[in-house]
Amino acid sequence: MEQESRHERFKRVASKRTNEILEKIRILGNCSNKSSYEYTEDEVNKIFSEIDKQLKLTKAKFLGGRRERFKL
């Protein structure tokens, strides 16, 4: 049996985790049903603000030192 390379392992694990996250986001969308739930615009904004924040933090981990410098 051949040993899985680090790249193969990344692709396998990252694909599985990404699909799990996408499914959870689809399930979160079920909370938008106003006949079953009541929520405010502020609550929705808080949810998506936190999701956006975590996405940016996670993406930064992948990009590492490849950040562009600010220029005017």
Protein backbone atom coordinates (compact mmCIF):
# COMPACT_ATOMS: atom_id res chain seq x y z
CA MET A 1 0.00 0.00 0.00
CA GLU A 2 1.43 3.36 -1.06
CA GLN A 3 1.70 6.09 1.52
CA GLU A 4 -0.47 9.13 0.91
CA SER A 5 1.54 12.27 0.05
CA ARG A 6 1.08 15.47 2.04
CA HIS A 7 -0.60 17.09 -0.97
CA GLU A 8 -2.97 14.14 -1.45
CA ARG A 9 -3.80 14.22 2.26
CA PHE A 10 -4.44 17.99 2.06
CA LYS A 11 -6.80 17.55 -0.90
CA ARG A 12 -8.70 14.74 0.81
CA VAL A 13 -9.05 16.46 4.18
CA ALA A 14 -9.67 19.98 2.80
CA SER A 15 -12.35 18.71 0.39
CA LYS A 16 -14.16 16.87 3.17
CA ARG A 17 -14.01 19.82 5.56
CA THR A 18 -15.06 22.31 2.88
CA ASN A 19 -18.08 20.20 1.95
CA GLU A 20 -19.04 19.94 5.63
CA ILE A 21 -18.83 23.73 6.03
CA LEU A 22 -20.87 24.33 2.85
CA GLU A 23 -23.55 21.95 4.09
CA LYS A 24 -23.70 23.75 7.46
CA ILE A 25 -24.10 27.08 5.63
CA ARG A 26 -26.98 25.61 3.60
CA ILE A 27 -28.56 24.40 6.86
CA LEU A 28 -28.08 27.86 8.43
CA GLY A 29 -30.07 29.22 5.49
CA ASN A 30 -33.06 27.25 6.77
CA CYS A 31 -33.19 29.70 9.69
CA SER A 32 -34.30 32.39 7.22
CA ASN A 33 -37.79 30.86 7.11
CA LYS A 34 -39.91 33.60 8.70
CA SER A 35 -42.84 31.24 9.27
CA SER A 36 -40.66 29.20 11.64
CA TYR A 37 -38.25 31.78 13.06
CA GLU A 38 -38.20 35.39 14.16
CA TYR A 39 -35.02 37.43 13.92
CA THR A 40 -33.78 40.97 13.51
CA GLU A 41 -31.60 42.46 10.82
CA ASP A 42 -29.01 43.15 13.53
CA GLU A 43 -28.90 39.46 14.48
CA VAL A 44 -28.44 38.46 10.85
CA ASN A 45 -25.66 41.04 10.46
CA LYS A 46 -23.91 39.69 13.57
CA ILE A 47 -24.02 36.13 12.21
CA PHE A 48 -22.57 37.05 8.84
CA SER A 49 -20.08 39.49 10.30
CA GLU A 50 -18.63 36.69 12.42
CA ILE A 51 -18.60 34.27 9.49
CA ASP A 52 -16.82 36.89 7.34
CA LYS A 53 -14.28 37.56 10.12
CA GLN A 54 -13.46 33.88 10.52
CA LEU A 55 -13.15 33.42 6.75
CA LYS A 56 -10.66 36.31 6.54
CA LEU A 57 -8.61 34.95 9.45
CA THR A 58 -8.53 31.47 7.97
CA LYS A 59 -7.63 32.72 4.49
CA ALA A 60 -4.79 34.76 6.00
CA LYS A 61 -3.34 31.56 7.46
CA PHE A 62 -3.14 30.08 3.97
CA LEU A 63 -1.66 33.19 2.39
CA GLY A 64 0.99 33.62 5.07
CA GLY A 65 3.59 36.15 4.02
CA ARG A 66 2.05 36.86 0.63
CA ARG A 67 0.25 39.98 1.83
CA GLU A 68 0.55 42.97 -0.45
CA ARG A 69 1.79 46.24 0.96
CA PHE A 70 -0.40 49.32 0.92
CA LYS A 71 0.48 51.96 -1.71
CA LEU A 72 -1.08 55.30 -2.56
